[in-house]
Protein backbone atom coordinates (compact mmCIF):
# COMPACT_ATOMS: atom_id res chain seq x y z
CA MET A 1 4.54 -38.25 84.99
CA ALA A 2 2.03 -40.75 84.37
CA LYS A 3 4.83 -43.62 84.03
CA LYS A 4 6.26 -42.75 87.25
CA LEU A 5 3.04 -42.80 89.05
CA ARG A 6 2.62 -46.36 87.42
CA SER A 7 6.03 -47.37 88.80
CA ILE A 8 5.31 -45.92 92.27
CA GLU A 9 2.07 -47.97 92.35
CA LEU A 10 3.96 -50.96 91.17
CA LEU A 11 6.30 -50.52 93.93
CA GLN A 12 3.54 -50.13 96.70
CA SER A 13 1.78 -53.36 95.31
CA GLU A 14 5.08 -55.02 95.49
CA ILE A 15 5.82 -53.81 98.93
CA LYS A 16 2.17 -54.99 100.11
CA ALA A 17 2.66 -58.32 98.52
CA THR A 18 5.85 -58.78 100.08
CA ASN A 19 4.55 -57.90 103.57
CA ASN A 20 1.72 -60.42 102.76
CA LYS A 21 4.30 -62.94 101.88
CA LEU A 22 6.33 -62.27 104.98
CA SER A 23 3.29 -62.50 107.27
CA LYS A 24 2.44 -65.68 105.75
CA ARG A 25 5.98 -66.77 106.19
CA GLU A 26 5.91 -65.82 109.72
CA SER A 27 2.82 -67.88 110.34
CA GLU A 28 4.29 -71.01 108.49
CA ASN A 29 7.64 -70.22 110.58
CA ARG A 30 5.64 -70.47 113.66
CA GLU A 31 3.95 -73.63 112.78
CA MET A 32 7.37 -75.08 111.64
CA ARG A 33 8.78 -74.00 115.11
CA ILE A 34 5.87 -75.64 117.00
CA LYS A 35 6.47 -78.83 114.83
CA TYR A 36 10.32 -78.68 115.27
CA ALA A 37 10.01 -78.13 119.00
CA GLU A 38 8.09 -81.12 119.29
CA LYS A 39 10.46 -83.47 117.34
CA THR A 40 14.05 -81.92 118.45
CA ASN A 41 15.64 -80.11 121.28
CA VAL A 42 13.87 -76.90 122.38
CA ALA A 43 17.13 -74.91 123.13
CA GLN A 44 18.54 -75.72 119.59
CA LEU A 45 15.55 -74.65 118.01
CA THR A 46 15.34 -71.67 120.07
CA GLU A 47 19.02 -70.71 119.09
CA LYS A 48 18.06 -71.41 115.50
CA PHE A 49 15.23 -69.58 115.46
CA ASN A 50 16.50 -66.72 117.19
CA GLY A 51 19.34 -66.56 114.52
CA GLN A 52 16.64 -66.77 111.80
CA GLU A 53 14.41 -64.05 113.68
CA ASN A 54 17.69 -61.88 113.94
CA GLU A 55 18.34 -62.31 110.12
CA MET A 56 14.66 -61.76 109.17
CA ALA A 57 14.74 -58.65 111.38
CA LYS A 58 17.93 -57.43 109.45
CA LYS A 59 15.81 -58.25 106.30
CA LEU A 60 12.93 -56.37 107.43
CA ASP A 61 15.07 -53.40 108.34
CA ASP A 62 16.45 -53.35 105.03
CA LYS A 63 12.99 -53.52 103.57
CA ASP A 64 11.87 -50.87 105.88
CA ARG A 65 14.81 -48.58 104.81
CA SER A 66 13.92 -49.33 100.86
CA ILE A 67 10.19 -48.57 101.63
CA GLU A 68 11.26 -45.30 103.14
CA LEU A 69 13.54 -44.33 100.33
CA LEU A 70 10.84 -45.41 97.95
CA GLN A 71 8.31 -43.23 99.76
CA SER A 72 10.50 -40.31 99.93
CA GLU A 73 11.22 -40.68 96.12
CA ILE A 74 7.50 -40.88 95.69
CA LYS A 75 7.06 -38.05 97.63
CA ALA A 76 9.54 -36.02 95.38
CA LYS A 77 7.88 -37.23 92.26
CA ASN A 78 4.39 -36.26 93.43
CA SER A 79 5.75 -32.72 94.28
CA LYS A 80 7.12 -32.53 90.91
CA LEU A 81 3.94 -33.94 89.52
CA THR A 82 2.00 -31.03 91.11
CA LYS A 83 4.41 -28.49 89.72
CA LEU A 84 3.99 -30.04 86.34
CA GLU A 85 0.29 -30.04 86.57
CA SER A 86 0.44 -26.52 87.49
CA GLU A 87 2.55 -25.71 84.57
CA ASN A 88 0.10 -27.58 82.59
CA ARG A 89 -2.75 -25.59 83.93
CA GLU A 90 -1.07 -22.31 82.88
CA MET A 91 -0.28 -23.63 79.40
CA ARG A 92 -3.72 -24.45 78.92
CA VAL A 93 -4.67 -21.04 79.80
CA LYS A 94 -2.35 -19.55 77.49
CA TYR A 95 -3.33 -21.94 74.84
CA ALA A 96 -7.01 -21.07 75.29
CA GLU A 97 -5.97 -17.31 75.15
CA ASN A 98 -3.97 -17.95 71.80
CA THR A 99 -6.72 -19.81 70.55
CA SER A 100 -9.44 -17.10 71.09
CA GLU A 101 -6.69 -14.65 69.52
CA VAL A 102 -6.20 -16.72 66.56
CA ALA A 103 -10.04 -17.14 66.35
CA LYS A 104 -10.13 -13.41 66.29
CA LEU A 105 -7.41 -12.89 63.52
CA THR A 106 -9.30 -15.72 61.57
CA ASP A 107 -12.35 -13.51 61.58
CA LYS A 108 -10.63 -10.28 60.65
CA ILE A 109 -9.05 -12.04 57.74
CA LYS A 110 -12.21 -13.09 56.74
CA ASP A 111 -13.80 -9.82 56.99
CA LYS A 112 -10.85 -8.42 55.03
CA GLU A 113 -11.29 -11.15 52.24
CA ASN A 114 -14.97 -10.20 51.87
CA GLU A 115 -14.22 -6.65 51.89
CA MET A 116 -11.53 -7.11 49.16
CA ALA A 117 -13.90 -9.55 47.13
CA LYS A 118 -16.40 -6.56 47.45
CA LYS A 119 -14.08 -4.17 46.07
CA LEU A 120 -12.98 -6.27 43.09
CA ASP A 121 -16.51 -6.88 42.16
CA ASP A 122 -16.65 -3.10 41.93
CA LYS A 123 -13.73 -2.93 39.95
CA ASP A 124 -14.85 -5.39 37.55
CA ARG A 125 -18.13 -3.53 37.11
CA SER A 126 -16.36 -0.52 36.75
CA ILE A 127 -14.10 -2.13 33.98
CA GLU A 128 -17.18 -3.57 32.23
CA LEU A 129 -18.68 -0.02 32.31
CA LEU A 130 -15.33 1.58 30.70
CA HIS A 131 -15.38 -1.35 28.19
CA SER A 132 -19.00 -0.72 27.30
CA GLU A 133 -18.01 3.13 27.23
CA ILE A 134 -14.98 2.49 25.06
CA LYS A 135 -17.11 0.37 22.42
CA ALA A 136 -19.76 3.39 22.46
CA ALA A 137 -16.72 5.81 21.86
CA HIS A 138 -15.61 3.55 18.98
CA ASN A 139 -19.16 3.18 17.36
CA LYS A 140 -19.45 6.86 17.91
CA LEU A 141 -15.96 7.42 16.23
CA SER A 142 -16.74 5.11 13.32
CA LYS A 143 -19.90 6.98 12.87
CA CYS A 144 -18.13 10.25 12.85
CA GLU A 145 -15.87 8.90 10.37
CA SER A 146 -18.44 7.68 7.98
CA GLU A 147 -20.12 11.25 8.39
CA ASN A 148 -16.65 12.95 7.81
CA LEU A 149 -16.31 10.73 4.83
CA GLU A 150 -19.59 11.75 3.35
CA MET A 151 -19.01 15.42 4.35
CA ARG A 152 -15.64 15.13 2.29
CA ILE A 153 -17.34 13.45 -0.73
CA LYS A 154 -20.03 16.41 -0.43
CA TYR A 155 -17.19 18.99 -0.01
CA ALA A 156 -15.17 17.35 -3.03
CA GLU A 157 -18.38 17.43 -5.06
CA LYS A 158 -19.11 21.11 -4.10
CA THR A 159 -15.30 22.03 -4.81
CA SER A 160 -15.49 20.16 -8.43
CA GLU A 161 -18.50 22.35 -9.02
CA LEU A 162 -16.90 25.61 -7.83
CA GLU A 163 -14.01 24.84 -9.81
CA GLN A 164 -15.88 24.29 -12.98
CA GLN A 165 -17.75 27.60 -12.09
CA ILE A 166 -14.09 29.43 -11.56
CA LYS A 167 -13.10 27.98 -14.93
CA ILE A 168 -16.02 29.16 -16.96
CA GLN A 169 -15.53 32.70 -14.93
CA GLU A 170 -11.78 32.61 -15.87
CA GLU A 171 -12.41 31.51 -19.41
CA MET A 172 -14.73 34.64 -19.72
CA ILE A 173 -12.18 36.64 -18.14
CA ARG A 174 -9.51 35.45 -20.58
CA GLN A 175 -11.99 36.27 -23.50
CA ASN A 176 -12.55 39.67 -22.02
CA ILE A 177 -8.73 40.28 -21.69
CA LYS A 178 -8.25 39.15 -25.30
CA ILE A 179 -11.09 41.42 -26.58
CA THR A 180 -9.57 44.18 -24.68
CA LYS A 181 -6.10 43.69 -25.92
CA GLU A 182 -7.04 43.39 -29.36
CA LEU A 183 -9.14 46.74 -29.05
CA THR A 184 -6.28 48.40 -27.50
CA ASP A 185 -4.20 47.21 -30.17
CA LYS A 186 -6.06 48.56 -32.74
CA ASN A 187 -6.52 51.92 -30.90
CA ASN A 188 -2.66 51.88 -30.58
CA PHE A 189 -2.19 51.39 -34.31
CA LEU A 190 -4.67 53.77 -35.58
CA GLU A 191 -3.29 56.56 -33.05
CA GLN A 192 0.27 55.94 -32.98
CA GLN A 193 0.63 53.92 -36.38
CA ARG A 194 2.92 51.14 -34.52
CA LEU A 195 3.09 47.63 -35.20
CA PRO A 196 1.23 45.08 -32.85
CA GLN A 197 3.10 43.22 -30.21
CA SER A 198 4.40 39.63 -31.16
CA SER A 199 2.97 36.79 -29.43
CA HIS A 200 4.66 33.97 -27.36
CA THR A 201 6.03 31.17 -29.36
CA CYS A 202 3.93 28.13 -29.37
CA ILE A 203 2.78 25.30 -31.26
CA THR A 204 -1.22 25.00 -32.14
CA VAL A 205 -2.65 21.58 -31.95
CA GLU A 206 -6.09 20.10 -31.00
CA GLU A 207 -5.84 19.55 -27.27
CA GLU A 208 -7.90 19.18 -24.14
CA ASN A 209 -9.11 22.12 -22.35
CA ILE A 210 -6.41 23.96 -20.24
CA SER A 211 -7.43 24.70 -16.64
CA SER A 212 -6.87 27.54 -14.86
CA ILE A 213 -3.22 28.45 -13.08
CA PRO A 214 -3.65 28.36 -9.17
CA ARG A 215 -4.97 31.64 -7.89
CA LYS A 216 -1.71 32.51 -6.18
CA LYS A 217 -0.26 33.31 -9.29
CA GLN A 218 -3.01 34.43 -11.46
CA LYS A 219 -2.18 37.78 -11.27
CA GLN A 220 1.48 37.66 -12.10
CA SER A 221 0.97 35.03 -14.76
CA GLU A 222 -2.32 36.23 -16.23
CA SER A 223 -0.62 37.99 -19.34
CA LYS A 224 1.32 34.60 -19.89
CA LYS A 225 -1.66 32.55 -20.22
CA PRO A 226 -2.06 30.22 -23.32
CA LYS A 227 -4.83 30.17 -25.63
CA LYS A 228 -7.39 27.54 -25.36
CA GLY A 229 -6.30 24.33 -27.00
CA ASN A 230 -2.40 25.61 -27.10
CA LEU A 231 0.59 23.81 -25.97
CA VAL A 232 3.25 26.09 -24.39
CA MET A 233 6.76 25.90 -25.81
CA THR A 234 9.10 25.98 -22.83
CA LYS A 235 12.80 26.56 -23.05
CA MET A 236 15.18 24.26 -20.96
CA GLU A 237 18.84 24.82 -20.20
CA LYS A 238 21.08 22.02 -20.76
CA VAL A 239 22.95 21.81 -17.22
CA THR A 240 25.43 19.10 -17.84
CA SER A 241 26.63 16.40 -20.20
CA MET A 242 27.68 13.91 -17.83
CA GLU A 243 30.92 12.27 -19.04
CA PHE A 244 31.70 8.50 -18.60
CA HIS A 245 34.94 7.08 -19.35
CA ASN A 246 35.95 3.43 -19.51
CA GLU A 247 32.14 2.39 -18.80
CA LYS A 248 29.30 0.73 -20.42
CA SER A 249 26.78 3.35 -22.11
CA PRO A 250 25.10 4.41 -18.89
CA LYS A 251 21.23 3.80 -18.10
CA LEU A 252 20.14 6.49 -15.84
CA LEU A 253 16.38 6.17 -14.87
CA SER A 254 16.29 8.11 -11.79
CA LEU A 255 17.10 11.44 -10.38
CA ALA A 256 17.49 13.29 -6.94
CA VAL A 257 18.59 16.72 -6.42
CA ASP A 258 19.66 18.31 -2.70
CA GLU A 259 19.62 22.06 -2.09
CA ALA A 260 23.21 22.47 -2.92
CA ASP A 261 22.17 21.46 -6.43
CA ASN A 262 24.12 18.03 -6.36
CA MET A 263 22.37 15.57 -8.58
CA PHE A 264 22.41 11.73 -7.52
CA THR A 265 21.66 9.20 -10.15
CA ALA A 266 21.46 5.43 -10.50
CA ASP A 267 23.53 3.95 -13.30
CA GLN A 268 22.11 0.57 -14.05
CA ALA A 269 24.41 -0.29 -16.89
CA ASN A 270 27.43 0.28 -14.89
CA LYS A 271 25.82 -0.85 -11.23
CA CYS A 272 26.85 2.54 -9.21
CA ILE A 273 25.48 5.57 -7.86
CA LYS A 274 26.84 8.68 -9.02
CA CYS A 275 26.97 12.17 -7.74
CA PHE A 276 27.21 15.32 -9.99
CA ASP A 277 27.51 19.11 -8.93
CA ARG A 278 25.62 21.80 -10.47
CA ASN A 279 28.25 22.04 -13.60
CA GLY A 280 28.06 18.33 -14.20
CA GLU A 281 31.40 17.50 -12.63
CA THR A 282 31.65 14.16 -11.15
CA LYS A 283 31.83 14.38 -7.17
CA TRP A 284 31.92 10.67 -6.21
CA VAL A 285 30.91 7.16 -7.76
CA SER A 286 29.74 4.62 -5.52
CA PRO A 287 29.71 0.96 -7.07
CA LEU A 288 27.26 -1.50 -5.86
CA ASP A 289 26.88 -5.14 -5.71
CA ASN A 290 23.44 -5.12 -7.46
CA THR A 291 21.82 -3.13 -10.09
CA PRO A 292 20.23 -0.04 -8.64
CA TYR A 293 16.78 1.18 -9.85
CA ASN A 294 15.79 4.47 -7.98
CA VAL A 295 17.16 6.97 -5.45
CA SER A 296 15.65 9.22 -2.95
CA LEU A 297 17.07 11.44 -0.25
CA ILE A 298 16.38 10.76 3.35
CA ASN A 299 17.26 12.09 6.91
CA ASN A 300 17.52 15.81 5.96
CA GLU A 301 19.67 15.13 2.71
CA ARG A 302 22.26 13.61 4.55
CA TYR A 303 21.89 10.14 3.15
CA ILE A 304 20.36 8.83 0.00
CA ALA A 305 18.34 5.52 -0.32
CA VAL A 306 18.67 3.05 -3.18
CA THR A 307 16.38 0.35 -4.49
CA MET A 308 17.62 -2.52 -6.22
CA VAL A 309 16.43 -4.52 -9.06
CA ASN A 310 14.95 -7.92 -7.89
CA SER A 311 16.41 -7.43 -4.41
CA LYS A 312 14.34 -7.45 -0.93
CA SER A 313 16.51 -4.90 0.43
CA LEU A 314 17.85 -1.12 -0.23
CA ASP A 315 21.18 0.65 0.38
CA ILE A 316 21.62 3.81 2.49
CA LEU A 317 24.70 5.82 1.29
CA ARG A 318 26.07 9.13 2.54
CA THR A 319 25.50 12.07 0.11
CA ASP A 320 28.86 13.82 1.08
CA ASP A 321 31.00 10.78 -0.14
CA GLY A 322 28.92 7.90 -1.27
CA ILE A 323 29.77 5.58 1.34
CA LYS A 324 27.33 2.48 2.19
CA VAL A 325 26.19 2.75 5.80
CA LYS A 326 23.50 0.26 6.07
CA ASP A 327 21.50 -2.37 4.13
CA VAL A 328 17.71 -2.14 5.01
CA GLU A 329 15.34 -5.06 4.13
CA HIS A 330 11.96 -4.27 2.89
CA GLY A 331 10.93 -7.46 1.66
CA VAL A 332 9.83 -6.35 -2.20
CA ALA A 333 11.62 -8.05 -4.92
CA CYS A 334 10.53 -6.99 -8.59
CA PRO A 335 12.44 -5.61 -11.81
CA CYS A 336 11.12 -1.98 -11.09
CA PRO A 337 11.01 -1.10 -7.56
CA GLY A 338 9.94 2.55 -7.56
CA LEU A 339 10.90 4.61 -4.51
CA SER A 340 9.69 7.97 -2.96
CA VAL A 341 10.64 9.46 0.52
CA CYS A 342 8.68 12.24 2.37
CA ASP A 343 9.84 12.94 5.82
CA ASP A 344 9.77 9.86 7.72
CA THR A 345 7.55 7.82 5.13
CA LEU A 346 9.04 5.75 2.54
CA VAL A 347 7.12 4.34 -0.41
CA ILE A 348 8.09 1.22 -2.58
CA CYS A 349 6.18 0.12 -5.50
CA ASP A 350 6.12 -3.42 -6.47
CA CYS A 351 5.36 -4.05 -10.22
CA ASN A 352 4.97 -7.81 -9.75
CA THR A 353 2.13 -7.61 -6.79
CA LYS A 354 0.79 -4.44 -8.17
CA ASN A 355 0.89 -2.90 -4.68
CA ILE A 356 2.47 0.29 -3.06
CA TYR A 357 3.93 -0.43 0.41
CA ILE A 358 4.06 2.19 2.84
CA HIS A 359 6.75 2.43 5.77
CA LYS A 360 7.81 4.61 8.64
CA ILE A 361 11.41 4.90 8.55
CA MET A 362 12.58 4.40 12.45
CA PRO A 363 15.65 6.10 13.70
CA ASP A 364 17.85 3.19 13.11
CA TYR A 365 16.53 3.14 9.55
CA LYS A 366 14.70 -0.03 9.98
CA LEU A 367 11.35 -0.09 7.99
CA VAL A 368 8.02 -0.77 9.61
CA ARG A 369 5.21 -1.33 7.05
CA MET A 370 2.16 0.76 7.99
CA HIS A 371 -0.04 0.51 4.99
CA THR A 372 -0.56 -1.51 1.56
CA ILE A 373 -2.28 0.09 -1.40
CA SER A 374 -3.80 -2.32 -4.00
CA LEU A 375 -3.21 -0.82 -7.61
CA GLN A 376 -5.91 -3.43 -8.82
CA GLN A 377 -8.37 -0.82 -7.27
CA GLY A 378 -7.12 1.81 -10.04
CA LYS A 379 -9.39 3.07 -12.77
CA PRO A 380 -8.16 1.22 -14.96
CA PRO A 381 -6.41 -1.25 -12.68
CA LEU A 382 -2.54 -0.60 -12.98
CA THR A 383 -0.72 -3.36 -14.57
CA TYR A 384 2.83 -2.22 -14.80
CA PRO A 385 3.48 0.37 -12.29
CA HIS A 386 7.12 1.90 -12.07
CA TYR A 387 7.48 5.46 -10.84
CA VAL A 388 5.92 6.65 -7.67
CA HIS A 389 5.71 9.80 -5.65
CA VAL A 390 4.48 10.51 -2.15
CA ILE A 391 3.41 13.89 -1.07
CA PRO A 392 2.69 15.28 2.54
CA SER A 393 -0.89 15.22 2.42
CA ARG A 394 -0.76 11.36 2.68
CA LYS A 395 -1.28 10.72 -0.84
CA VAL A 396 0.61 8.69 -3.52
CA LEU A 397 1.04 9.41 -7.30
CA VAL A 398 2.10 6.46 -9.38
CA SER A 399 2.58 6.12 -13.14
CA ASP A 400 1.89 3.04 -15.15
CA TYR A 401 3.77 1.85 -18.22
CA ASP A 402 0.94 -0.29 -19.61
CA THR A 403 -2.20 1.52 -19.25
CA ASN A 404 -0.25 5.16 -19.86
CA THR A 405 -1.90 6.76 -16.82
CA VAL A 406 -0.90 8.54 -13.80
CA GLN A 407 -3.23 7.79 -10.84
CA ALA A 408 -3.63 9.04 -7.39
CA PHE A 409 -4.41 7.14 -4.02
CA THR A 410 -4.58 7.99 -0.45
CA PHE A 411 -2.88 5.78 2.18
CA GLN A 412 -6.20 4.23 3.06
CA ASP A 413 -6.36 2.40 -0.41
CA ASN A 414 -8.76 4.95 -1.87
CA HIS A 415 -8.43 5.86 -5.56
CA ILE A 416 -8.65 9.69 -6.10
CA PHE A 417 -8.27 10.57 -9.76
CA THR A 418 -6.93 9.06 -13.03
CA TYR A 419 -5.02 11.25 -15.75
CA GLY A 420 -3.89 9.82 -19.01
CA MET A 421 -5.02 8.10 -22.26
CA ALA A 422 -7.39 5.58 -20.57
CA VAL A 423 -9.42 8.58 -19.50
CA SER A 424 -9.03 11.26 -22.02
CA GLY A 425 -8.41 9.35 -25.30
CA SER A 426 -6.21 11.98 -26.34
CA GLU A 427 -2.87 11.53 -28.36
CA ALA A 428 -0.27 9.25 -27.36
CA PHE A 429 1.06 9.54 -23.70
CA GLN A 430 3.59 7.57 -22.22
CA PRO A 431 4.22 8.70 -18.45
CA TYR A 432 7.47 7.94 -16.55
CA GLY A 433 8.63 10.12 -13.86
CA VAL A 434 6.08 12.03 -11.64
CA CYS A 435 6.83 14.74 -8.65
CA THR A 436 5.08 17.84 -7.28
CA ASP A 437 6.09 21.39 -6.87
CA ALA A 438 6.17 23.68 -3.58
CA GLU A 439 2.18 23.99 -4.21
CA ASP A 440 1.46 20.57 -4.77
CA ASN A 441 0.88 20.99 -8.53
CA ILE A 442 1.85 17.58 -10.40
CA LEU A 443 4.45 17.43 -12.82
CA ILE A 444 4.73 14.38 -15.22
CA ALA A 445 7.50 13.62 -17.82
CA ASP A 446 5.65 12.50 -20.96
CA HIS A 447 8.61 9.99 -22.28
CA GLY A 448 7.12 9.46 -25.86
CA GLY A 449 5.81 13.19 -26.38
CA ASN A 450 8.86 15.53 -25.14
CA LYS A 451 6.48 17.14 -22.99
CA ILE A 452 6.11 17.96 -19.33
CA ILE A 453 2.29 17.83 -18.22
CA GLN A 454 1.25 19.89 -15.45
CA LEU A 455 -1.74 19.31 -13.31
CA THR A 456 -3.61 20.63 -10.40
CA PRO A 457 -3.37 18.93 -6.98
CA ASP A 458 -6.73 16.99 -7.80
CA GLY A 459 -5.57 15.97 -11.31
CA GLN A 460 -6.88 18.75 -13.62
CA LEU A 461 -4.79 19.84 -16.48
CA ILE A 462 -3.03 23.30 -16.15
CA LYS A 463 -0.51 22.99 -19.33
CA LYS A 464 1.05 20.84 -21.30
CA HIS A 465 4.82 21.95 -21.91
CA LEU A 466 6.53 20.97 -25.12
CA PHE A 467 10.19 20.99 -25.46
CA GLU A 468 12.25 21.35 -28.67
CA GLU A 469 11.80 18.66 -31.04
CA ASP A 470 15.32 17.48 -31.00
CA SER A 471 15.47 17.04 -27.10
CA PRO A 472 16.09 13.77 -25.77
CA ALA A 473 13.10 11.44 -24.45
CA PHE A 474 12.67 12.16 -20.74
CA TYR A 475 12.78 9.68 -17.93
CA ALA A 476 12.83 10.99 -14.27
CA LEU A 477 12.22 14.54 -13.02
CA THR A 478 12.37 16.22 -9.64
CA VAL A 479 11.72 19.77 -8.22
CA ALA A 480 14.37 21.58 -6.24
CA LYS A 481 14.66 25.56 -5.40
CA GLU A 482 12.08 26.31 -7.67
CA ARG A 483 13.54 24.61 -10.58
CA LEU A 484 12.47 21.49 -12.55
CA TYR A 485 15.22 19.19 -13.42
CA LEU A 486 15.10 16.22 -15.85
CA ILE A 487 17.03 13.33 -16.79
CA ALA A 488 17.53 11.79 -20.27
CA THR A 489 19.56 8.54 -20.85
CA ASP A 490 19.93 9.01 -24.67
CA GLU A 491 22.68 11.78 -24.21
CA SER A 492 23.39 10.82 -20.54
CA CYS A 493 22.68 14.69 -19.70
CA ALA A 494 20.28 16.44 -17.28
CA PHE A 495 18.42 19.46 -17.97
CA VAL A 496 16.81 22.33 -15.81
CA ALA A 497 14.17 24.69 -16.63
CA PRO A 498 12.92 27.22 -14.00
CA LEU A 499 9.42 26.74 -12.64
CA THR A 500 8.45 30.34 -13.35
CA ALA A 501 8.52 29.37 -16.97
CA LEU A 502 6.07 26.65 -16.41
């Protein structure tokens, strides 16, 4: 619109200049006419002047018409300009309204931002309070754990004192029973003139004090308790002579038995796992690429885990046919990788690093390492651990070849007790396999002494069971269905003794 106004103003100034010019020309023309009239014929000049005047009139008419057209165009432009100005005023009003609304919205947004900032500050403060509460709870929990540990220590001390008192009382009871029995025998002899009853077969040697049998079996076995300082001669049944054809002499150092009395053993000499039934007949043989060392049943006895000599993985085999289903990495490579499984806990003993590694068995049989027990914390420190056994109370038993001891540890790397030569200083003791029965009593295979050592769960001696002199040296042992199974490699055979005989 501004450009059109300027063009109209220019046209008006042009028209004005043209009019001025025309007026000037007319004055000049009049002067020229006067001068011409003076010099020429008036008639000719008049005729010529009339012609020029007509021509000038036509030109003026044309100019007037163009001026009228310009004026009408200017009028139209002015009306259009007026309309645009009114529209512009309306747009300014709307813009002002929108600007006020935007300002209101901006104020609202700022209010919301301030409100959210306050809420975030409140949240941060509440989180800080929660963190402080959690820290306080952790401190309280640590304090409770330390107090609990102190209470456990006090409880263990009290328990030990009570057990010592119970042992003294039971020894007095045994002496009273012995005296009563002797008096009864004498009375029977005098009254009925009968011979005295024969005593149980036993071998008498200088031995450590024998602890009491657990109270659950006290009444049932009281008449069978050995005399103080005696070993108990235990009979065992040779359940199988395992026959091996076209093979090297077997080297069997481990044993596992399922609920169906099937026996699983690792043959190091022939690099295979073998399964025998209750009568010693071979059910299956599973050849392996590496030399096996130890076996243990897993997953409700549906599978068997096998550790390998100097290998960082173990094999998982099916118990029904011996087919290998999986190779599982555990990261322990040593000559004697001891193995034990309890529920979903798998324990491996490393004789190189002198550590016990406790793993959780995942559904896909992958192993997640949960704890590490340093056997350097033993009393004395263990130097060549080889057999290991884990029990549900989150304890681990381990036998050591060099120190001739069996020691117990918690999962938290705490030493519980030590049994063996290093403590008692008694006759030669060479522990190999170790296991527990249903009451958590501990059974140890004494490889050099043809004995099974029976301990209470806290490591106190119950009995030492001496077998026949010609029995082979024992290596591994396990308990299944109230029976004790033992394996000896000299004759490649397995033996069984009922737990009631122990």
